[in-house]
Protein backbone atom coordinates (compact mmCIF):
# COMPACT_ATOMS: atom_id res chain seq x y z
CA MET A 1 -0.02 0.00 0.00
CA LEU A 2 2.81 2.35 0.89
CA LYS A 3 4.63 1.50 -2.33
CA SER A 4 1.46 2.20 -4.35
CA GLY A 5 1.07 5.56 -2.67
CA ILE A 6 4.64 6.51 -3.39
CA ALA A 7 4.23 5.43 -7.02
CA LEU A 8 1.04 7.53 -7.32
CA VAL A 9 2.81 10.55 -5.96
CA GLY A 10 5.64 9.98 -8.44
CA VAL A 11 3.22 9.77 -11.32
CA LEU A 12 1.48 12.97 -10.25
CA ILE A 13 4.83 14.73 -10.02
CA ILE A 14 5.80 13.59 -13.50
CA ILE A 15 2.38 14.65 -14.86
CA GLY A 16 2.79 18.04 -13.21
CA LEU A 17 6.28 18.47 -14.68
CA LEU A 18 5.00 17.50 -18.11
CA SER A 19 2.15 20.01 -17.75
CA MET A 20 4.56 22.74 -16.83
CA ILE A 21 6.79 21.91 -19.79
CA SER A 22 3.75 21.85 -22.07
CA LEU A 23 2.54 25.20 -20.76
CA SER A 24 6.07 26.63 -21.09
CA LEU A 25 6.27 25.48 -24.67
CA MET A 26 2.84 26.92 -25.45
CA TYR A 27 3.86 30.22 -23.91
CA ARG A 28 7.10 30.32 -25.85
CA ILE A 29 5.26 29.52 -29.09
CA GLN A 30 2.69 32.26 -28.34
CA ALA A 31 5.42 34.77 -27.40
CA GLY A 32 7.39 33.89 -30.50
CA SER A 33 4.31 34.35 -32.64
CA THR A 34 3.52 37.70 -31.08
CA SER A 35 7.09 38.86 -31.35
CA SER A 36 7.18 37.81 -34.99
CA ALA A 37 3.94 39.68 -35.73
CA THR A 38 5.18 42.79 -33.92
CA THR A 39 8.52 42.76 -35.68
CA LEU A 40 6.85 42.21 -39.04
CA SER A 41 4.53 45.13 -38.53
CA SER A 42 7.40 47.30 -37.42
CA GLU A 43 9.32 46.43 -40.57
CA GLN A 44 6.27 47.02 -42.74
CA ALA A 45 5.79 50.47 -41.15
CA TRP A 46 9.51 51.19 -41.67
CA ALA A 47 9.26 50.13 -45.31
CA ALA A 48 6.20 52.38 -45.82
CA ALA A 49 8.11 55.32 -44.32
CA LEU A 50 11.09 54.69 -46.62
CA SER A 51 8.61 54.67 -49.55
CA GLY A 52 7.67 58.19 -48.48
CA LEU A 53 11.33 59.19 -48.44
CA ASP A 54 11.74 57.78 -51.95
CA ARG A 55 8.68 59.75 -53.17
CA SER A 56 10.11 62.91 -51.64
CA ILE A 57 13.35 62.43 -53.52
CA ASN A 58 11.51 61.93 -56.80
CA ILE A 59 9.62 65.19 -56.31
CA ILE A 60 12.49 67.42 -55.18
CA THR A 61 14.60 66.28 -58.10
CA ASP A 62 11.84 67.04 -60.64
CA PRO A 63 12.94 70.29 -62.40
CA THR A 64 9.35 70.95 -63.63
CA ARG A 65 8.04 71.47 -60.11
CA SER A 66 7.99 74.78 -58.36
CA SER A 67 8.71 75.07 -54.63
CA GLN A 68 5.01 74.78 -53.94
CA GLY A 69 5.28 71.27 -55.37
CA TRP A 70 7.21 70.17 -52.31
CA ILE A 71 6.38 72.74 -49.66
CA ASN A 72 2.70 71.83 -49.38
CA ASN A 73 1.42 69.13 -51.68
CA PRO A 74 -1.17 66.81 -50.08
CA THR A 75 -1.80 65.13 -53.46
CA ASP A 76 1.64 63.57 -53.44
CA PHE A 77 2.44 63.51 -49.75
CA GLU A 78 -0.66 62.82 -47.66
CA GLN A 79 -1.83 59.28 -46.85
CA GLN A 80 -0.30 57.60 -49.91
CA LEU A 81 -1.10 53.88 -50.18
CA VAL A 82 2.00 51.65 -50.44
CA TYR A 83 0.55 48.11 -50.20
CA ASP A 84 -2.20 45.95 -48.72
CA ASP A 85 -1.03 42.84 -46.86
CA GLY A 86 -4.57 41.53 -46.29
CA ILE A 87 -4.52 42.58 -42.63
CA ASP A 88 -3.42 46.22 -42.86
CA LYS A 89 -3.27 48.76 -45.60
CA TRP A 90 0.12 50.51 -45.35
CA TYR A 91 0.44 54.19 -46.05
CA PHE A 92 2.94 57.05 -45.73
CA SER A 93 2.53 60.77 -45.15
CA VAL A 94 5.36 63.30 -45.56
CA PHE A 95 4.73 66.27 -43.25
CA ARG A 96 6.33 69.50 -42.14
CA GLN A 97 5.56 72.65 -40.20
CA GLY A 98 2.25 74.19 -41.22
CA ASN A 99 0.11 76.87 -39.64
CA LEU A 100 1.41 77.57 -36.14
CA GLU A 101 -1.77 79.35 -35.08
CA THR A 102 -4.17 76.51 -35.98
CA GLY A 103 -1.80 73.70 -35.25
CA GLU A 104 -2.17 72.13 -38.64
CA VAL A 105 0.67 70.29 -40.36
CA ALA A 106 1.50 70.75 -44.00
CA PHE A 107 2.21 67.85 -46.28
CA GLY A 108 5.62 68.38 -47.89
CA VAL A 109 9.34 68.82 -47.19
CA THR A 110 11.54 71.67 -45.97
CA ASP A 111 14.44 72.97 -47.94
CA GLU A 112 17.44 73.70 -45.69
CA ALA A 113 18.38 76.86 -47.61
CA SER A 114 15.15 78.48 -46.34
CA LYS A 115 16.93 78.82 -43.03
CA LEU A 116 19.94 80.73 -41.71
CA PRO A 117 23.29 78.97 -41.50
CA LEU A 118 23.85 78.14 -37.80
CA ASN A 119 27.64 77.81 -38.05
CA LEU A 120 27.88 81.32 -39.53
CA THR A 121 25.39 83.04 -37.27
CA ASN A 122 25.97 85.71 -34.60
CA ILE A 123 24.72 86.42 -31.12
CA THR A 124 22.13 88.97 -32.28
CA GLN A 125 20.50 86.42 -34.58
CA LEU A 126 20.50 83.77 -31.87
CA ILE A 127 18.76 85.84 -29.21
CA SER A 128 15.99 86.74 -31.67
CA ILE A 129 14.74 83.16 -31.20
CA PRO A 130 12.03 82.75 -28.54
CA GLY A 131 13.56 81.24 -25.42
CA ILE A 132 17.20 81.93 -26.32
CA THR A 133 18.62 84.26 -23.67
CA LEU A 134 21.93 86.07 -23.91
CA PRO A 135 23.68 83.51 -21.63
CA ALA A 136 22.41 80.64 -23.82
CA ALA A 137 23.51 82.41 -26.99
CA GLU A 138 26.95 83.12 -25.66
CA SER A 139 27.30 79.59 -24.29
CA LEU A 140 26.48 78.25 -27.75
CA ALA A 141 28.96 80.59 -29.34
CA ASP A 142 31.75 79.57 -26.95
CA PHE A 143 30.96 75.91 -27.58
CA THR A 144 31.63 76.21 -31.33
CA ASP A 145 34.10 79.04 -31.78
CA SER A 146 37.82 78.35 -32.32
CA ASP A 147 39.17 80.30 -29.36
CA SER A 148 39.35 79.54 -25.63
CA ILE A 149 38.27 82.99 -24.41
CA PRO A 150 34.90 82.84 -22.64
CA ARG A 151 32.30 85.49 -23.33
CA ASP A 152 30.79 87.35 -20.34
CA ASN A 153 27.88 84.91 -20.09
CA GLY A 154 29.52 81.99 -21.92
CA ALA A 155 31.55 78.94 -20.96
CA GLU A 156 34.82 77.58 -22.36
CA GLN A 157 36.67 74.36 -21.68
CA GLU A 158 37.58 75.10 -18.06
CA VAL A 159 33.88 75.02 -17.10
CA TYR A 160 33.42 71.58 -18.63
CA ASP A 161 36.59 70.31 -16.95
CA LEU A 162 34.85 70.89 -13.54
CA LEU A 163 31.88 68.63 -14.35
CA ILE A 164 31.45 65.28 -12.57
CA THR A 165 32.10 63.71 -15.99
CA PRO A 166 34.30 66.15 -17.84
CA TYR A 167 34.34 66.24 -21.62
CA ASN A 168 36.03 68.22 -24.36
CA ILE A 169 33.95 70.71 -26.29
CA PRO A 170 34.45 70.90 -30.04
CA ASN A 171 35.52 74.56 -30.40
CA GLU A 172 34.68 74.20 -34.05
CA PRO A 173 31.48 74.15 -36.20
CA ILE A 174 29.23 71.21 -35.40
CA SER A 175 27.65 68.80 -37.85
CA PHE A 176 24.73 67.44 -35.81
CA LEU A 177 22.20 69.70 -34.01
CA ASP A 178 21.85 67.56 -30.92
CA GLU A 179 25.56 68.05 -30.19
CA LEU A 180 24.50 71.38 -28.78
CA LEU A 181 22.77 69.58 -25.93
CA LEU A 182 26.28 69.19 -24.52
CA ALA A 183 26.70 72.98 -24.34
CA ASN A 184 26.55 74.57 -20.91
CA GLY A 185 23.01 75.48 -19.97
CA ILE A 186 21.45 74.26 -23.23
CA SER A 187 18.39 71.97 -23.18
CA ALA A 188 16.14 70.38 -25.77
CA TYR A 189 13.81 73.39 -25.33
CA HIS A 190 16.48 75.65 -26.79
CA LEU A 191 16.85 73.37 -29.82
CA TYR A 192 13.21 72.50 -30.49
CA GLY A 193 11.20 75.14 -28.60
CA GLU A 194 7.86 74.04 -27.25
CA ASP A 195 7.59 71.30 -29.86
CA LEU A 196 9.76 68.69 -28.14
CA ASN A 197 7.85 65.79 -29.74
CA ARG A 198 8.63 67.29 -33.20
CA ASN A 199 5.05 67.02 -34.55
CA TYR A 200 4.73 70.70 -35.52
CA LYS A 201 1.42 70.97 -33.60
CA LEU A 202 0.42 72.90 -30.47
CA ASP A 203 -0.44 70.01 -28.16
CA ILE A 204 -2.33 70.55 -24.88
CA ASN A 205 0.78 70.16 -22.84
CA GLU A 206 2.58 72.71 -24.96
CA ASN A 207 0.05 75.42 -24.11
CA ASP A 208 -0.51 74.92 -20.34
CA GLY A 209 2.25 76.98 -18.78
CA ASP A 210 4.46 74.97 -16.51
CA LEU A 211 1.80 72.37 -15.62
CA LEU A 212 3.23 69.65 -17.87
CA LEU A 213 6.47 69.37 -19.79
CA PRO A 214 7.68 71.11 -21.86
CA PRO A 215 7.58 74.56 -20.21
CA ASP A 216 5.68 76.98 -22.44
CA ASP A 217 4.41 80.55 -22.50
CA GLN A 218 0.72 79.55 -22.82
CA ASP A 219 0.19 82.09 -25.63
CA GLY A 220 -1.70 79.82 -28.05
CA SER A 221 1.17 79.58 -30.48
CA LEU A 222 3.97 77.05 -30.93
CA ALA A 223 7.29 78.75 -30.16
CA GLY A 224 10.13 77.32 -32.16
CA GLY A 225 13.72 76.60 -31.32
CA ILE A 226 17.00 76.72 -33.13
CA ASN A 227 15.94 73.95 -35.53
CA ARG A 228 13.20 76.09 -36.99
CA TYR A 229 15.37 79.05 -37.90
CA PHE A 230 18.85 77.64 -38.51
CA THR A 231 20.39 74.81 -40.48
CA LEU A 232 23.65 72.90 -40.44
CA ASN A 233 23.10 71.26 -43.80
CA SER A 234 22.83 73.97 -46.44
CA ARG A 235 25.43 74.53 -49.20
CA ASP A 236 25.06 75.91 -52.71
CA TRP A 237 26.52 74.20 -55.76
CA ASN A 238 28.25 76.59 -58.16
CA VAL A 239 26.78 75.04 -61.33
CA ASP A 240 24.44 76.11 -64.14
CA LEU A 241 20.91 74.82 -64.65
CA LEU A 242 22.33 71.68 -66.30
CA ASN A 243 24.61 71.02 -63.31
CA GLN A 244 27.68 71.97 -65.30
CA PRO A 245 30.39 74.06 -63.56
CA ARG A 246 30.03 77.77 -64.17
CA ILE A 247 32.90 79.57 -65.87
CA ASN A 248 34.87 81.93 -63.66
CA ILE A 249 34.91 85.06 -65.81
CA ASN A 250 38.02 86.31 -63.96
CA ASN A 251 40.12 83.29 -64.85
CA PRO A 252 43.10 84.75 -66.78
CA ASN A 253 43.61 81.46 -68.63
CA ILE A 254 40.26 81.72 -70.36
CA ASP A 255 40.12 83.23 -73.82
CA LEU A 256 37.18 85.58 -73.53
CA GLY A 257 36.68 85.45 -77.28
CA THR A 258 35.73 81.76 -77.05
CA LEU A 259 32.87 82.39 -74.61
CA ASP A 260 29.24 82.76 -75.57
CA LEU A 261 29.27 86.47 -75.13
CA PRO A 262 28.55 89.45 -77.47
CA GLN A 263 31.70 91.01 -78.93
CA GLN A 264 30.97 94.29 -77.19
CA THR A 265 30.95 92.51 -73.83
CA VAL A 266 34.19 90.70 -74.65
CA LEU A 267 35.93 94.02 -75.40
CA PHE A 268 34.62 95.44 -72.10
CA LEU A 269 35.95 92.46 -70.15
CA GLU A 270 39.34 92.61 -71.93
CA ALA A 271 39.52 96.29 -71.00
CA LYS A 272 38.90 95.41 -67.34
CA ARG A 273 41.67 92.88 -67.52
CA LYS A 274 44.10 95.44 -68.91
CA LEU A 275 43.31 97.69 -65.94
CA ASN A 276 43.70 94.74 -63.56
CA GLU A 277 40.15 95.26 -62.34
CA PRO A 278 38.54 91.88 -61.69
CA ILE A 279 34.79 91.56 -61.82
CA THR A 280 33.66 91.26 -58.16
CA SER A 281 30.13 90.21 -59.06
CA ILE A 282 28.31 89.36 -62.32
CA ILE A 283 26.06 92.31 -61.66
CA ASP A 284 29.12 94.55 -62.22
CA ILE A 285 28.73 93.84 -65.94
CA VAL A 286 25.12 95.13 -66.14
CA GLU A 287 24.85 98.60 -67.67
CA ALA A 288 28.57 99.09 -66.96
CA SER A 289 31.36 100.94 -68.71
CA VAL A 290 35.12 101.37 -68.30
CA THR A 291 37.61 103.98 -69.57
CA VAL A 292 41.02 102.84 -70.82
CA THR A 293 43.92 105.14 -71.70
CA GLU A 294 45.48 103.83 -74.93
CA ALA A 295 48.47 104.69 -77.04
CA GLY A 296 48.89 108.43 -77.66
CA ASN A 297 47.18 109.15 -74.35
CA ILE A 298 43.82 108.58 -75.96
CA LYS A 299 41.00 107.71 -73.60
CA ARG A 300 38.49 105.14 -74.88
CA ASP A 301 35.21 104.08 -73.26
CA TYR A 302 34.02 100.49 -73.43
CA GLU A 303 30.37 99.69 -72.74
CA SER A 304 29.42 96.23 -71.53
CA GLY A 305 26.27 96.17 -73.61
CA ILE A 306 24.56 94.07 -70.92
CA LYS A 307 21.09 95.04 -69.76
CA LYS A 308 19.34 93.83 -66.66
CA GLU A 309 17.19 91.42 -68.74
CA ASP A 310 20.46 89.67 -69.76
CA LEU A 311 21.45 88.98 -66.22
CA PHE A 312 19.55 85.67 -65.96
CA ASN A 313 21.63 83.94 -68.69
CA LEU A 314 24.81 85.66 -67.57
CA MET A 315 24.46 84.46 -63.95
CA ASN A 316 23.51 81.00 -65.11
CA LEU A 317 26.73 80.46 -67.15
CA PHE A 318 29.30 82.58 -65.34
CA THR A 319 30.60 83.21 -61.84
CA THR A 320 33.24 85.30 -60.05
CA ASP A 321 33.58 82.75 -57.28
CA SER A 322 36.15 79.99 -57.69
CA ARG A 323 34.57 77.80 -54.98
CA GLU A 324 32.73 74.72 -56.05
CA PHE A 325 30.45 74.88 -53.01
CA ARG A 326 29.23 77.99 -51.23
CA THR A 327 27.89 77.85 -47.67
CA GLY A 328 25.70 80.24 -45.76
CA LEU A 329 23.31 81.29 -48.53
CA VAL A 330 19.60 81.70 -48.03
CA ASN A 331 17.06 80.77 -50.71
CA ILE A 332 15.26 83.95 -51.78
CA ASN A 333 12.34 81.82 -53.15
CA THR A 334 11.52 79.87 -50.01
CA ALA A 335 12.75 81.69 -46.93
CA PRO A 336 9.91 83.10 -44.79
CA ALA A 337 9.81 86.79 -43.80
CA ASN A 338 11.34 86.25 -40.35
CA ILE A 339 14.42 84.72 -42.01
CA LEU A 340 14.72 87.27 -44.81
CA VAL A 341 14.79 90.17 -42.39
CA GLN A 342 17.90 88.68 -40.75
CA ILE A 343 19.85 89.25 -44.01
CA PRO A 344 21.77 92.55 -44.12
CA GLY A 345 19.98 94.96 -46.45
CA ILE A 346 16.47 93.41 -46.11
CA ASP A 347 13.92 95.08 -43.88
CA GLU A 348 10.33 94.07 -43.19
CA ASN A 349 8.90 96.03 -46.14
CA LEU A 350 11.34 94.51 -48.58
CA ALA A 351 10.79 91.04 -47.20
CA THR A 352 7.07 91.39 -47.69
CA THR A 353 7.55 92.64 -51.26
CA ILE A 354 9.90 89.76 -52.08
CA ILE A 355 7.38 87.15 -50.79
CA THR A 356 4.46 88.76 -52.66
CA THR A 357 6.40 89.02 -55.89
CA ARG A 358 8.05 85.62 -55.94
CA ASN A 359 4.66 83.87 -55.95
CA SER A 360 3.99 85.28 -59.44
CA ILE A 361 7.39 84.37 -60.90
CA THR A 362 7.65 81.43 -63.31
CA ILE A 363 9.60 78.30 -62.30
CA GLU A 364 12.34 79.23 -64.83
CA LYS A 365 12.77 82.74 -63.53
CA GLN A 366 12.85 81.54 -59.95
CA SER A 367 16.05 79.62 -60.69
CA SER A 368 18.10 82.81 -60.71
CA LEU A 369 18.47 85.80 -58.40
CA ALA A 370 18.10 87.94 -61.55
CA TRP A 371 14.34 88.21 -61.04
CA LEU A 372 15.00 90.57 -58.07
CA LEU A 373 16.41 93.09 -60.53
CA GLU A 374 14.12 92.36 -63.49
CA THR A 375 11.02 93.04 -61.40
CA ASP A 376 12.45 96.30 -60.07
CA ILE A 377 12.18 95.19 -56.46
CA ILE A 378 15.72 96.36 -55.91
CA ASP A 379 18.25 98.37 -57.91
CA ILE A 380 21.76 97.34 -58.99
CA GLU A 381 23.45 98.74 -55.87
CA GLN A 382 21.06 96.84 -53.57
CA PHE A 383 21.63 93.68 -55.65
CA LYS A 384 25.37 93.99 -55.09
CA GLU A 385 24.77 94.30 -51.35
CA LEU A 386 22.43 91.29 -51.07
CA GLU A 387 23.91 88.82 -53.53
CA PRO A 388 26.64 87.45 -51.18
CA PHE A 389 23.94 86.21 -48.83
CA LEU A 390 21.43 84.77 -51.27
CA THR A 391 20.79 81.87 -53.61
CA ALA A 392 17.82 80.96 -55.81
CA ARG A 393 18.05 77.23 -55.46
CA SER A 394 18.10 74.58 -52.70
CA PHE A 395 20.13 71.41 -52.77
CA GLN A 396 19.43 69.96 -49.27
CA PHE A 397 16.02 68.97 -47.95
CA HIS A 398 14.67 67.93 -44.60
CA VAL A 399 12.13 65.07 -44.94
CA GLN A 400 9.94 63.80 -42.10
CA VAL A 401 7.77 60.74 -42.87
CA ILE A 402 5.32 58.57 -40.99
CA GLY A 403 4.68 55.09 -42.32
CA TYR A 404 1.58 53.43 -40.82
CA GLY A 405 -0.89 50.58 -41.18
CA LEU A 406 -4.70 50.67 -40.96
CA PRO A 407 -6.62 49.55 -39.10
CA SER A 408 -3.90 48.35 -36.67
CA GLY A 409 -2.44 51.88 -36.30
CA ARG A 410 1.14 50.65 -36.09
CA TYR A 411 3.64 53.26 -37.25
CA ARG A 412 7.21 54.39 -37.63
CA THR A 413 8.39 57.97 -38.01
CA ILE A 414 11.66 58.89 -39.64
CA GLU A 415 13.46 62.09 -40.56
CA ALA A 416 16.20 62.47 -43.17
CA ILE A 417 18.38 65.06 -44.88
CA VAL A 418 18.68 64.55 -48.63
CA ASP A 419 21.54 66.22 -50.52
CA LEU A 420 21.07 66.69 -54.31
CA ILE A 421 24.64 67.80 -54.96
CA GLY A 422 26.43 65.34 -57.24
CA THR A 423 25.41 62.88 -59.87
CA ALA A 424 22.70 61.25 -57.68
CA PRO A 425 20.77 62.27 -54.50
CA LYS A 426 22.39 61.20 -51.21
CA ILE A 427 20.79 60.58 -47.84
CA ILE A 428 23.31 62.22 -45.49
CA TYR A 429 21.23 61.88 -42.30
CA LEU A 430 18.59 59.37 -41.22
CA ARG A 431 16.98 59.08 -37.76
CA ASP A 432 14.13 57.13 -36.26
CA LEU A 433 11.71 59.44 -34.38
CA THR A 434 9.10 56.82 -33.51
CA LYS A 435 9.70 57.07 -29.71
CA LEU A 436 8.62 60.74 -29.77
CA GLY A 437 5.05 59.47 -30.23
CA ILE A 438 2.41 59.71 -32.95
CA PRO A 439 2.86 63.06 -34.70
CA TYR A 440 -0.78 63.62 -35.68
CA HIS A 441 -4.11 61.84 -36.04
CA PHE A 442 -3.88 60.19 -39.44
CA THR A 443 -7.19 58.31 -38.83
CA PRO A 444 -10.23 58.74 -36.62
CA LEU A 445 -8.50 56.33 -34.17
CA LEU A 446 -7.63 57.68 -30.74
CA VAL A 447 -4.00 58.03 -29.78
CA SER A 448 -4.49 55.15 -27.36
CA ASP A 449 -5.65 52.95 -30.26
CA THR A 450 -2.39 53.54 -32.10
CA THR A 451 0.41 51.18 -31.14
CA ASP A 452 4.08 51.96 -31.11
CA ASN A 453 6.30 49.40 -32.81
CA GLU A 454 8.95 49.03 -30.18
């Protein structure tokens, strides 16, 4: 009897162990299945987002499109179907900053040349940004300048040496905006303003004072940070409309007679060479003349023969700048008024006139700064003053995409910088922003119904 009882207990133990093993296997199978489904959905959302990036590249490289074709174009950028896997339909939307007052996003991309160059900026421009105080501006300046002399409110290396975990500051221009988070006294608020989740909308917690993060001024508008006004990724390519290098008209090795120029203009340029007077800007040739003293002390005048309506073709083919790439230029066709007024020589009235006029300019005319002169917005002297700060084209673009599935609501959000300089577009920066949360309601689903993919 005792032996039978012991045997029964043993059998029960074995059955219990087998049950536990069976349940463990079932759990592992179920967990594996769930993990596989989650991973698959995450990859599908990622693929949909990359499809949006690819669409963006196709549009910004299309020479037939005006800037409006990529600044706000819901037809090409909002809820575009990628594929249907039988469970979800997968879409992408490409979105950017829209109306700050209404909190609406726009569907398009942002050209980096519509902003000011951060690495070439000054203290005055920095403190014009909401939330950037003088100490913050000077700390940023000390962080990236080449010297070791601290400004009155700034901080150089000796301050960072006293930290619990010391580190070396760059003391040179940065290449990645978030590097500035290492600068003394700088927070994400300085970089991204009240829009820390990067969705370009005024969320409830971004308009409630200090009740919930981030801190805000509760003024009903979405205050921006450095990222809205400045760029690290803008450079101009010194090529013509066919992406061929422009000819430096000051190059002494070039036979002016072989250039596609009127004979009268060639004689004018040759006279300038004889006087050792280089052309400082192509605008110097417009309606210009030069006097040369020739043999027998005879003075002779040479007219350029170039009118302001000729400037478009002249600027397209020729340059006075030997650099292949030029940094720090702002796109006159896309920069908003608050950026234009930061350029020396442009006040609020001129900025308003530029924005009003450029909307009526053809795509072809917009490809050159010459339209500023042809439309009589400015005169030749003003053109000379403004030209060193301006461009009419953009070669780098900020793209922010959400790829998502319906009805599941799974999504991935990415941002990228695309550079068009060269023989083919290049993605020079790519970042996953999914952890910042859903950027906007792309369906009637509630935020709680939308599942992150992590």
